[in-house]
PDB file of N, CA and C in Angstrom:
ATOM      1  N   UNK A   1     -34.829  13.176 -27.161  1.00  0.00           N
ATOM      2  CA  UNK A   1     -35.234  13.038 -26.088  1.00  0.00           C
ATOM      3  C   UNK A   1     -35.124  11.245 -26.383  1.00  0.00           C
ATOM      4  N   UNK A   2     -33.904  10.985 -27.141  1.00  0.00           N
ATOM      5  CA  UNK A   2     -33.539   9.277 -27.534  1.00  0.00           C
ATOM      6  C   UNK A   2     -32.697   9.114 -26.274  1.00  0.00           C
ATOM      7  N   UNK A   3     -31.454   9.994 -26.117  1.00  0.00           N
ATOM      8  CA  UNK A   3     -30.369  10.340 -24.953  1.00  0.00           C
ATOM      9  C   UNK A   3     -30.871   9.949 -24.040  1.00  0.00           C
ATOM     10  N   UNK A   4     -32.110  10.118 -23.446  1.00  0.00           N
ATOM     11  CA  UNK A   4     -32.622  10.151 -22.172  1.00  0.00           C
ATOM     12  C   UNK A   4     -32.791   8.987 -21.967  1.00  0.00           C
ATOM     13  N   UNK A   5     -33.363   7.715 -22.425  1.00  0.00           N
ATOM     14  CA  UNK A   5     -33.671   6.510 -22.286  1.00  0.00           C
ATOM     15  C   UNK A   5     -32.287   5.734 -22.091  1.00  0.00           C
ATOM     16  N   UNK A   6     -31.342   6.162 -23.282  1.00  0.00           N
ATOM     17  CA  UNK A   6     -30.242   5.121 -23.047  1.00  0.00           C
ATOM     18  C   UNK A   6     -29.320   5.701 -21.922  1.00  0.00           C
ATOM     19  N   UNK A   7     -29.297   6.830 -21.406  1.00  0.00           N
ATOM     20  CA  UNK A   7     -28.473   7.653 -20.300  1.00  0.00           C
ATOM     21  C   UNK A   7     -28.809   6.555 -19.239  1.00  0.00           C
ATOM     22  N   UNK A   8     -30.595   6.406 -18.755  1.00  0.00           N
ATOM     23  CA  UNK A   8     -31.370   6.072 -17.474  1.00  0.00           C
ATOM     24  C   UNK A   8     -30.708   4.203 -17.928  1.00  0.00           C
ATOM     25  N   UNK A   9     -30.615   3.733 -18.946  1.00  0.00           N
ATOM     26  CA  UNK A   9     -30.237   2.367 -19.094  1.00  0.00           C
ATOM     27  C   UNK A   9     -28.952   2.515 -18.755  1.00  0.00           C
ATOM     28  N   UNK A  10     -27.824   3.352 -18.854  1.00  0.00           N
ATOM     29  CA  UNK A  10     -26.371   2.765 -18.562  1.00  0.00           C
ATOM     30  C   UNK A  10     -26.009   3.303 -17.112  1.00  0.00           C
ATOM     31  N   UNK A  11     -26.896   3.928 -16.658  1.00  0.00           N
ATOM     32  CA  UNK A  11     -27.198   3.962 -15.139  1.00  0.00           C
ATOM     33  C   UNK A  11     -27.253   3.305 -14.539  1.00  0.00           C
ATOM     34  N   UNK A  12     -28.668   2.741 -14.325  1.00  0.00           N
ATOM     35  CA  UNK A  12     -28.929   1.309 -14.277  1.00  0.00           C
ATOM     36  C   UNK A  12     -27.974   0.043 -14.452  1.00  0.00           C
ATOM     37  N   UNK A  13     -27.932   0.245 -15.464  1.00  0.00           N
ATOM     38  CA  UNK A  13     -26.507  -0.844 -15.687  1.00  0.00           C
ATOM     39  C   UNK A  13     -25.246  -0.554 -14.686  1.00  0.00           C
ATOM     40  N   UNK A  14     -24.911   0.666 -14.233  1.00  0.00           N
ATOM     41  CA  UNK A  14     -23.938   0.883 -13.454  1.00  0.00           C
ATOM     42  C   UNK A  14     -24.354   0.193 -12.167  1.00  0.00           C
ATOM     43  N   UNK A  15     -25.272   1.273 -11.564  1.00  0.00           N
ATOM     44  CA  UNK A  15     -25.697   0.217 -10.390  1.00  0.00           C
ATOM     45  C   UNK A  15     -25.708  -1.137  -9.907  1.00  0.00           C
ATOM     46  N   UNK A  16     -26.562  -1.682 -11.017  1.00  0.00           N
ATOM     47  CA  UNK A  16     -26.448  -3.289 -11.128  1.00  0.00           C
ATOM     48  C   UNK A  16     -24.983  -3.530 -10.788  1.00  0.00           C
ATOM     49  N   UNK A  17     -24.350  -3.554 -11.416  1.00  0.00           N
ATOM     50  CA  UNK A  17     -23.221  -3.448 -11.299  1.00  0.00           C
ATOM     51  C   UNK A  17     -22.255  -3.429 -10.127  1.00  0.00           C
ATOM     52  N   UNK A  18     -22.097  -1.994  -9.179  1.00  0.00           N
ATOM     53  CA  UNK A  18     -21.517  -2.032  -8.174  1.00  0.00           C
ATOM     54  C   UNK A  18     -22.134  -2.599  -7.201  1.00  0.00           C
ATOM     55  N   UNK A  19     -23.709  -2.835  -7.458  1.00  0.00           N
ATOM     56  CA  UNK A  19     -24.462  -4.132  -6.115  1.00  0.00           C
ATOM     57  C   UNK A  19     -23.800  -5.059  -6.633  1.00  0.00           C
ATOM     58  N   UNK A  20     -23.832  -5.595  -7.524  1.00  0.00           N
ATOM     59  CA  UNK A  20     -22.999  -6.980  -7.782  1.00  0.00           C
ATOM     60  C   UNK A  20     -21.359  -6.774  -7.169  1.00  0.00           C
ATOM     61  N   UNK A  21     -20.662  -6.572  -7.922  1.00  0.00           N
ATOM     62  CA  UNK A  21     -19.431  -6.316  -7.138  1.00  0.00           C
ATOM     63  C   UNK A  21     -19.311  -6.355  -5.471  1.00  0.00           C
ATOM     64  N   UNK A  22     -19.976  -5.093  -5.206  1.00  0.00           N
ATOM     65  CA  UNK A  22     -20.368  -5.148  -3.325  1.00  0.00           C
ATOM     66  C   UNK A  22     -20.794  -6.331  -2.602  1.00  0.00           C
ATOM     67  N   UNK A  23     -21.453  -7.207  -3.435  1.00  0.00           N
ATOM     68  CA  UNK A  23     -21.956  -8.558  -2.759  1.00  0.00           C
ATOM     69  C   UNK A  23     -21.094  -9.393  -2.910  1.00  0.00           C
ATOM     70  N   UNK A  24     -19.971  -8.784  -3.364  1.00  0.00           N
ATOM     71  CA  UNK A  24     -18.804 -10.150  -3.456  1.00  0.00           C
ATOM     72  C   UNK A  24     -17.647  -9.696  -2.556  1.00  0.00           C
ATOM     73  N   UNK A  25     -17.320  -8.673  -1.983  1.00  0.00           N
ATOM     74  CA  UNK A  25     -17.287  -8.387  -0.960  1.00  0.00           C
ATOM     75  C   UNK A  25     -16.569  -8.692   0.496  1.00  0.00           C
ATOM     76  N   UNK A  26     -18.000  -9.687   0.833  1.00  0.00           N
ATOM     77  CA  UNK A  26     -17.550 -10.305   1.604  1.00  0.00           C
ATOM     78  C   UNK A  26     -17.546 -11.902   1.678  1.00  0.00           C
ATOM     79  N   UNK A  27     -18.027 -12.780   0.482  1.00  0.00           N
ATOM     80  CA  UNK A  27     -16.747 -13.653   0.448  1.00  0.00           C
ATOM     81  C   UNK A  27     -15.549 -13.483   0.039  1.00  0.00           C
ATOM     82  N   UNK A  28     -15.219 -12.658  -0.460  1.00  0.00           N
ATOM     83  CA  UNK A  28     -14.196 -11.733  -0.267  1.00  0.00           C
ATOM     84  C   UNK A  28     -13.512 -12.433   0.728  1.00  0.00           C
ATOM     85  N   UNK A  29     -13.950 -11.483   1.512  1.00  0.00           N
ATOM     86  CA  UNK A  29     -13.394 -11.344   3.364  1.00  0.00           C
ATOM     87  C   UNK A  29     -12.805 -12.509   3.870  1.00  0.00           C
ATOM     88  N   UNK A  30     -14.077 -13.814   3.743  1.00  0.00           N
ATOM     89  CA  UNK A  30     -14.132 -14.961   3.774  1.00  0.00           C
ATOM     90  C   UNK A  30     -13.085 -15.245   3.558  1.00  0.00           C
ATOM     91  N   UNK A  31     -12.514 -15.702   2.755  1.00  0.00           N
ATOM     92  CA  UNK A  31     -11.499 -16.673   1.868  1.00  0.00           C
ATOM     93  C   UNK A  31     -10.708 -16.149   2.341  1.00  0.00           C
ATOM     94  N   UNK A  32      -9.752 -14.588   2.614  1.00  0.00           N
ATOM     95  CA  UNK A  32      -8.803 -14.488   3.417  1.00  0.00           C
ATOM     96  C   UNK A  32      -8.999 -14.999   4.518  1.00  0.00           C
ATOM     97  N   UNK A  33      -9.537 -14.516   5.139  1.00  0.00           N
ATOM     98  CA  UNK A  33      -9.969 -15.054   6.976  1.00  0.00           C
ATOM     99  C   UNK A  33      -9.450 -16.735   6.788  1.00  0.00           C
ATOM    100  N   UNK A  34      -9.694 -17.520   5.892  1.00  0.00           N
ATOM    101  CA  UNK A  34      -9.835 -19.074   5.776  1.00  0.00           C
ATOM    102  C   UNK A  34      -8.884 -19.116   5.305  1.00  0.00           C
ATOM    103  N   UNK A  35      -7.802 -18.256   4.459  1.00  0.00           N
ATOM    104  CA  UNK A  35      -6.935 -18.446   4.051  1.00  0.00           C
ATOM    105  C   UNK A  35      -5.663 -18.236   4.689  1.00  0.00           C
ATOM    106  N   UNK A  36      -5.892 -17.568   6.061  1.00  0.00           N
ATOM    107  CA  UNK A  36      -4.391 -17.200   6.951  1.00  0.00           C
ATOM    108  C   UNK A  36      -4.937 -18.197   7.876  1.00  0.00           C
ATOM    109  N   UNK A  37      -6.168 -19.021   8.206  1.00  0.00           N
ATOM    110  CA  UNK A  37      -6.597 -19.702   8.976  1.00  0.00           C
ATOM    111  C   UNK A  37      -5.587 -21.233   8.743  1.00  0.00           C
ATOM    112  N   UNK A  38      -6.085 -21.491   7.380  1.00  0.00           N
ATOM    113  CA  UNK A  38      -5.704 -22.721   6.409  1.00  0.00           C
ATOM    114  C   UNK A  38      -3.911 -22.472   6.615  1.00  0.00           C
ATOM    115  N   UNK A  39      -3.198 -21.557   6.543  1.00  0.00           N
ATOM    116  CA  UNK A  39      -2.058 -21.417   5.979  1.00  0.00           C
ATOM    117  C   UNK A  39      -0.713 -20.607   7.484  1.00  0.00           C
ATOM    118  N   UNK A  40      -1.744 -20.220   8.763  1.00  0.00           N
ATOM    119  CA  UNK A  40      -0.762 -20.105   9.512  1.00  0.00           C
ATOM    120  C   UNK A  40      -0.846 -20.984  11.099  1.00  0.00           C
ATOM    121  N   UNK A  41      -2.709 -21.350  11.473  1.00  0.00           N
ATOM    122  CA  UNK A  41      -3.031 -22.244  12.254  1.00  0.00           C
ATOM    123  C   UNK A  41      -2.734 -23.433  12.467  1.00  0.00           C
ATOM    124  N   UNK A  42      -3.314 -24.095  11.265  1.00  0.00           N
ATOM    125  CA  UNK A  42      -3.723 -25.377  11.135  1.00  0.00           C
ATOM    126  C   UNK A  42      -2.699 -25.596   9.347  1.00  0.00           C
ATOM    127  N   UNK A  43      -2.378 -25.812   9.122  1.00  0.00           N
ATOM    128  CA  UNK A  43      -1.338 -25.847   7.823  1.00  0.00           C
ATOM    129  C   UNK A  43      -1.965 -27.239   7.178  1.00  0.00           C
ATOM    130  N   UNK A  44      -2.959 -26.671   5.853  1.00  0.00           N
ATOM    131  CA  UNK A  44      -3.281 -27.610   5.418  1.00  0.00           C
ATOM    132  C   UNK A  44      -3.404 -27.582   3.617  1.00  0.00           C
ATOM    133  N   UNK A  45      -2.656 -28.287   3.412  1.00  0.00           N
ATOM    134  CA  UNK A  45      -2.418 -27.587   1.641  1.00  0.00           C
ATOM    135  C   UNK A  45      -3.781 -28.133   0.684  1.00  0.00           C
ATOM    136  N   UNK A  46      -4.682 -28.908   0.930  1.00  0.00           N
ATOM    137  CA  UNK A  46      -5.778 -29.442   0.456  1.00  0.00           C
ATOM    138  C   UNK A  46      -6.693 -27.845   0.463  1.00  0.00           C
ATOM    139  N   UNK A  47      -6.901 -27.181   1.979  1.00  0.00           N
ATOM    140  CA  UNK A  47      -8.177 -26.227   2.309  1.00  0.00           C
ATOM    141  C   UNK A  47      -7.270 -25.018   1.310  1.00  0.00           C
ATOM    142  N   UNK A  48      -6.162 -24.615   1.861  1.00  0.00           N
ATOM    143  CA  UNK A  48      -5.322 -23.281   0.872  1.00  0.00           C
ATOM    144  C   UNK A  48      -5.334 -23.672  -0.355  1.00  0.00           C
ATOM    145  N   UNK A  49      -6.258 -24.694  -1.124  1.00  0.00           N
ATOM    146  CA  UNK A  49      -5.302 -24.469  -2.334  1.00  0.00           C
ATOM    147  C   UNK A  49      -7.319 -24.499  -2.931  1.00  0.00           C
ATOM    148  N   UNK A  50      -8.691 -24.857  -2.013  1.00  0.00           N
ATOM    149  CA  UNK A  50      -9.552 -24.780  -2.944  1.00  0.00           C
ATOM    150  C   UNK A  50     -10.342 -23.116  -1.996  1.00  0.00           C
ATOM    151  N   UNK A  51      -9.312 -22.853  -0.894  1.00  0.00           N
ATOM    152  CA  UNK A  51      -9.707 -20.896  -0.620  1.00  0.00           C
ATOM    153  C   UNK A  51      -9.117 -20.241  -1.925  1.00  0.00           C
ATOM    154  N   UNK A  52      -8.196 -20.529  -2.227  1.00  0.00           N
ATOM    155  CA  UNK A  52      -7.642 -19.418  -3.369  1.00  0.00           C
ATOM    156  C   UNK A  52      -7.903 -19.884  -4.517  1.00  0.00           C
ATOM    157  N   UNK A  53      -8.491 -21.238  -4.653  1.00  0.00           N
ATOM    158  CA  UNK A  53      -9.528 -21.062  -6.324  1.00  0.00           C
ATOM    159  C   UNK A  53     -11.063 -19.997  -5.566  1.00  0.00           C
ATOM    160  N   UNK A  54     -11.919 -20.668  -4.146  1.00  0.00           N
ATOM    161  CA  UNK A  54     -12.840 -19.967  -4.685  1.00  0.00           C
ATOM    162  C   UNK A  54     -12.364 -18.480  -4.320  1.00  0.00           C
ATOM    163  N   UNK A  55     -11.472 -17.662  -4.493  1.00  0.00           N
ATOM    164  CA  UNK A  55     -11.241 -16.115  -4.264  1.00  0.00           C
ATOM    165  C   UNK A  55     -10.855 -15.981  -5.065  1.00  0.00           C
ATOM    166  N   UNK A  56      -9.982 -16.447  -5.985  1.00  0.00           N
ATOM    167  CA  UNK A  56      -9.803 -16.276  -7.672  1.00  0.00           C
ATOM    168  C   UNK A  56     -11.056 -16.322  -8.209  1.00  0.00           C
ATOM    169  N   UNK A  57     -11.885 -17.028  -8.067  1.00  0.00           N
ATOM    170  CA  UNK A  57     -13.355 -16.876  -8.647  1.00  0.00           C
ATOM    171  C   UNK A  57     -14.133 -16.211  -8.009  1.00  0.00           C
ATOM    172  N   UNK A  58     -14.373 -15.207  -7.177  1.00  0.00           N
ATOM    173  CA  UNK A  58     -14.879 -13.995  -6.576  1.00  0.00           C
ATOM    174  C   UNK A  58     -13.829 -13.040  -6.768  1.00  0.00           C
ATOM    175  N   UNK A  59     -12.565 -12.809  -7.059  1.00  0.00           N
ATOM    176  CA  UNK A  59     -11.920 -11.975  -7.498  1.00  0.00           C
ATOM    177  C   UNK A  59     -12.324 -11.644  -9.463  1.00  0.00           C
ATOM    178  N   UNK A  60     -12.169 -12.773 -10.113  1.00  0.00           N
ATOM    179  CA  UNK A  60     -12.926 -12.572 -11.532  1.00  0.00           C
ATOM    180  C   UNK A  60     -14.113 -11.678 -11.447  1.00  0.00           C
ATOM    181  N   UNK A  61     -15.008 -12.870 -11.196  1.00  0.00           N
ATOM    182  CA  UNK A  61     -16.695 -12.481 -10.708  1.00  0.00           C
ATOM    183  C   UNK A  61     -16.636 -10.632 -10.217  1.00  0.00           C
ATOM    184  N   UNK A  62     -15.770 -10.252  -9.091  1.00  0.00           N
ATOM    185  CA  UNK A  62     -16.092  -8.767  -8.768  1.00  0.00           C
ATOM    186  C   UNK A  62     -15.558  -7.799 -10.376  1.00  0.00           C
ATOM    187  N   UNK A  63     -14.663  -8.266 -10.928  1.00  0.00           N
ATOM    188  CA  UNK A  63     -13.936  -7.267 -11.594  1.00  0.00           C
ATOM    189  C   UNK A  63     -14.793  -7.498 -13.009  1.00  0.00           C
ATOM    190  N   UNK A  64     -15.598  -8.434 -13.391  1.00  0.00           N
ATOM    191  CA  UNK A  64     -16.444  -8.912 -14.691  1.00  0.00           C
ATOM    192  C   UNK A  64     -18.017  -8.089 -14.036  1.00  0.00           C
ATOM    193  N   UNK A  65     -17.857  -8.031 -12.832  1.00  0.00           N
ATOM    194  CA  UNK A  65     -19.303  -7.303 -12.602  1.00  0.00           C
ATOM    195  C   UNK A  65     -19.356  -6.119 -13.211  1.00  0.00           C
ATOM    196  N   UNK A  66     -17.904  -5.104 -11.915  1.00  0.00           N
ATOM    197  CA  UNK A  66     -17.594  -3.829 -12.107  1.00  0.00           C
ATOM    198  C   UNK A  66     -17.668  -3.251 -13.463  1.00  0.00           C
ATOM    199  N   UNK A  67     -16.997  -4.624 -14.385  1.00  0.00           N
ATOM    200  CA  UNK A  67     -16.808  -4.255 -15.845  1.00  0.00           C
ATOM    201  C   UNK A  67     -17.801  -4.190 -16.940  1.00  0.00           C
ATOM    202  N   UNK A  68     -19.097  -4.810 -16.296  1.00  0.00           N
ATOM    203  CA  UNK A  68     -20.174  -5.579 -17.006  1.00  0.00           C
ATOM    204  C   UNK A  68     -21.082  -4.014 -16.728  1.00  0.00           C
ATOM    205  N   UNK A  69     -21.352  -3.714 -15.862  1.00  0.00           N
ATOM    206  CA  UNK A  69     -21.568  -2.966 -15.205  1.00  0.00           C
ATOM    207  C   UNK A  69     -21.461  -1.104 -16.514  1.00  0.00           C
ATOM    208  N   UNK A  70     -20.255  -1.025 -16.167  1.00  0.00           N
ATOM    209  CA  UNK A  70     -19.244   0.281 -17.123  1.00  0.00           C
ATOM    210  C   UNK A  70     -19.549  -0.108 -18.263  1.00  0.00           C
ATOM    211  N   UNK A  71     -19.959  -1.206 -18.901  1.00  0.00           N
ATOM    212  CA  UNK A  71     -20.531  -1.556 -20.117  1.00  0.00           C
ATOM    213  C   UNK A  71     -18.957  -1.538 -20.765  1.00  0.00           C
ATOM    214  N   UNK A  72     -18.668  -2.603 -20.457  1.00  0.00           N
ATOM    215  CA  UNK A  72     -16.996  -2.814 -21.008  1.00  0.00           C
ATOM    216  C   UNK A  72     -16.615  -4.315 -21.442  1.00  0.00           C
ATOM    217  N   UNK A  73     -15.178  -4.532 -22.310  1.00  0.00           N
ATOM    218  CA  UNK A  73     -15.416  -6.116 -22.463  1.00  0.00           C
ATOM    219  C   UNK A  73     -14.899  -6.598 -20.792  1.00  0.00           C
ATOM    220  N   UNK A  74     -15.363  -8.005 -20.764  1.00  0.00           N
ATOM    221  CA  UNK A  74     -15.149  -8.702 -19.300  1.00  0.00           C
ATOM    222  C   UNK A  74     -13.790  -9.074 -18.972  1.00  0.00           C
ATOM    223  N   UNK A  75     -13.415  -9.822 -20.476  1.00  0.00           N
ATOM    224  CA  UNK A  75     -12.368 -10.660 -20.740  1.00  0.00           C
ATOM    225  C   UNK A  75     -11.137  -9.525 -21.126  1.00  0.00           C
ATOM    226  N   UNK A  76     -10.122  -9.443 -20.265  1.00  0.00           N
ATOM    227  CA  UNK A  76      -8.973  -8.429 -20.743  1.00  0.00           C
ATOM    228  C   UNK A  76      -7.680  -9.967 -20.165  1.00  0.00           C
ATOM    229  N   UNK A  77      -6.687  -9.377 -20.595  1.00  0.00           N
ATOM    230  CA  UNK A  77      -5.041  -9.742 -19.788  1.00  0.00           C
ATOM    231  C   UNK A  77      -4.682  -9.247 -19.231  1.00  0.00           C
ATOM    232  N   UNK A  78      -5.557  -8.217 -18.474  1.00  0.00           N
ATOM    233  CA  UNK A  78      -4.392  -7.579 -17.663  1.00  0.00           C
ATOM    234  C   UNK A  78      -5.105  -7.854 -16.455  1.00  0.00           C
ATOM    235  N   UNK A  79      -6.041  -8.373 -16.388  1.00  0.00           N
ATOM    236  CA  UNK A  79      -6.727  -8.860 -15.070  1.00  0.00           C
ATOM    237  C   UNK A  79      -6.299 -10.353 -14.859  1.00  0.00           C
ATOM    238  N   UNK A  80      -5.992 -10.890 -15.834  1.00  0.00           N
ATOM    239  CA  UNK A  80      -5.318 -12.617 -15.295  1.00  0.00           C
ATOM    240  C   UNK A  80      -3.455 -12.078 -15.102  1.00  0.00           C
ATOM    241  N   UNK A  81      -3.090 -10.734 -15.632  1.00  0.00           N
ATOM    242  CA  UNK A  81      -2.009 -10.176 -15.187  1.00  0.00           C
ATOM    243  C   UNK A  81      -1.535  -9.511 -13.570  1.00  0.00           C
ATOM    244  N   UNK A  82      -3.206  -9.210 -13.335  1.00  0.00           N
ATOM    245  CA  UNK A  82      -3.046  -8.681 -12.136  1.00  0.00           C
ATOM    246  C   UNK A  82      -3.117 -10.220 -10.789  1.00  0.00           C
ATOM    247  N   UNK A  83      -3.690 -11.203 -11.320  1.00  0.00           N
ATOM    248  CA  UNK A  83      -3.481 -12.408 -10.266  1.00  0.00           C
ATOM    249  C   UNK A  83      -1.919 -13.025  -9.621  1.00  0.00           C
ATOM    250  N   UNK A  84      -1.351 -12.452 -10.943  1.00  0.00           N
ATOM    251  CA  UNK A  84       0.150 -13.176 -11.168  1.00  0.00           C
ATOM    252  C   UNK A  84       0.763 -13.370  -9.692  1.00  0.00           C
ATOM    253  N   UNK A  85       1.027 -11.355  -8.740  1.00  0.00           N
ATOM    254  CA  UNK A  85       1.762 -11.478  -7.837  1.00  0.00           C
ATOM    255  C   UNK A  85       1.003 -12.642  -6.167  1.00  0.00           C
ATOM    256  N   UNK A  86      -0.250 -12.444  -6.647  1.00  0.00           N
ATOM    257  CA  UNK A  86      -1.182 -12.633  -5.469  1.00  0.00           C
ATOM    258  C   UNK A  86      -0.884 -15.009  -5.411  1.00  0.00           C
ATOM    259  N   UNK A  87      -0.988 -15.069  -6.778  1.00  0.00           N
ATOM    260  CA  UNK A  87      -0.771 -16.531  -6.613  1.00  0.00           C
ATOM    261  C   UNK A  87       1.332 -16.673  -6.490  1.00  0.00           C
ATOM    262  N   UNK A  88       1.982 -15.624  -6.709  1.00  0.00           N
ATOM    263  CA  UNK A  88       3.210 -15.979  -6.852  1.00  0.00           C
ATOM    264  C   UNK A  88       3.621 -16.391  -5.579  1.00  0.00           C
ATOM    265  N   UNK A  89       2.953 -15.506  -4.887  1.00  0.00           N
ATOM    266  CA  UNK A  89       2.904 -15.119  -3.227  1.00  0.00           C
ATOM    267  C   UNK A  89       2.608 -16.375  -2.489  1.00  0.00           C
ATOM    268  N   UNK A  90       1.176 -16.882  -2.984  1.00  0.00           N
ATOM    269  CA  UNK A  90       1.104 -18.146  -2.512  1.00  0.00           C
ATOM    270  C   UNK A  90       1.745 -19.401  -2.201  1.00  0.00           C
ATOM    271  N   UNK A  91       2.106 -19.316  -3.865  1.00  0.00           N
ATOM    272  CA  UNK A  91       3.310 -20.355  -4.319  1.00  0.00           C
ATOM    273  C   UNK A  91       4.247 -20.146  -3.198  1.00  0.00           C
ATOM    274  N   UNK A  92       5.023 -19.087  -2.744  1.00  0.00           N
ATOM    275  CA  UNK A  92       5.762 -18.989  -1.957  1.00  0.00           C
ATOM    276  C   UNK A  92       6.039 -19.269  -0.532  1.00  0.00           C
ATOM    277  N   UNK A  93       4.692 -19.357  -0.429  1.00  0.00           N
ATOM    278  CA  UNK A  93       4.023 -19.013   1.329  1.00  0.00           C
ATOM    279  C   UNK A  93       4.303 -21.184   0.949  1.00  0.00           C
ATOM    280  N   UNK A  94       3.905 -21.259  -0.077  1.00  0.00           N
ATOM    281  CA  UNK A  94       3.279 -22.814   0.579  1.00  0.00           C
ATOM    282  C   UNK A  94       4.332 -23.617  -0.417  1.00  0.00           C
ATOM    283  N   UNK A  95       5.346 -23.850  -0.319  1.00  0.00           N
ATOM    284  CA  UNK A  95       6.846 -24.074  -1.341  1.00  0.00           C
ATOM    285  C   UNK A  95       7.267 -25.282  -0.742  1.00  0.00           C
ATOM    286  N   UNK A  96       7.776 -24.623   0.844  1.00  0.00           N
ATOM    287  CA  UNK A  96       8.036 -25.562   1.538  1.00  0.00           C
ATOM    288  C   UNK A  96       7.176 -26.973   2.096  1.00  0.00           C
ATOM    289  N   UNK A  97       6.150 -26.686   2.052  1.00  0.00           N
ATOM    290  CA  UNK A  97       5.373 -27.741   2.329  1.00  0.00           C
ATOM    291  C   UNK A  97       5.023 -28.631   1.225  1.00  0.00           C
ATOM    292  N   UNK A  98       5.286 -28.424   0.048  1.00  0.00           N
ATOM    293  CA  UNK A  98       4.982 -28.897  -1.463  1.00  0.00           C
ATOM    294  C   UNK A  98       6.411 -29.449  -1.507  1.00  0.00           C
ATOM    295  N   UNK A  99       7.362 -29.099  -1.211  1.00  0.00           N
ATOM    296  CA  UNK A  99       8.746 -29.603  -1.420  1.00  0.00           C
ATOM    297  C   UNK A  99       9.136 -30.664  -0.409  1.00  0.00           C
ATOM    298  N   UNK A 100       8.104 -30.543   0.870  1.00  0.00           N
ATOM    299  CA  UNK A 100       8.926 -31.683   1.586  1.00  0.00           C
ATOM    300  C   UNK A 100       8.348 -33.047   1.619  1.00  0.00           C
TER     301      UNK A 100
END
């Protein structure tokens, strides 16, 4: 009988993690749209850096919510390694503006 409350607690935690992660999808989508606008239509380095920071925070929070719901350790070196390709792409896109 001890296993049932533990299983219910794990299930509840998993559901809370999924709900929290799904709540971060729309801010990430907003960040993506704002990044397109600040890079393509109105070139604004400060706004691009701001939206990149917000997107980075939302991405880390999304992964943290999923990992918390799965009862796993939140900090992971692979999480940071996974952020490297988007950061390198953004640096490549912004390099002509920063070098000029």
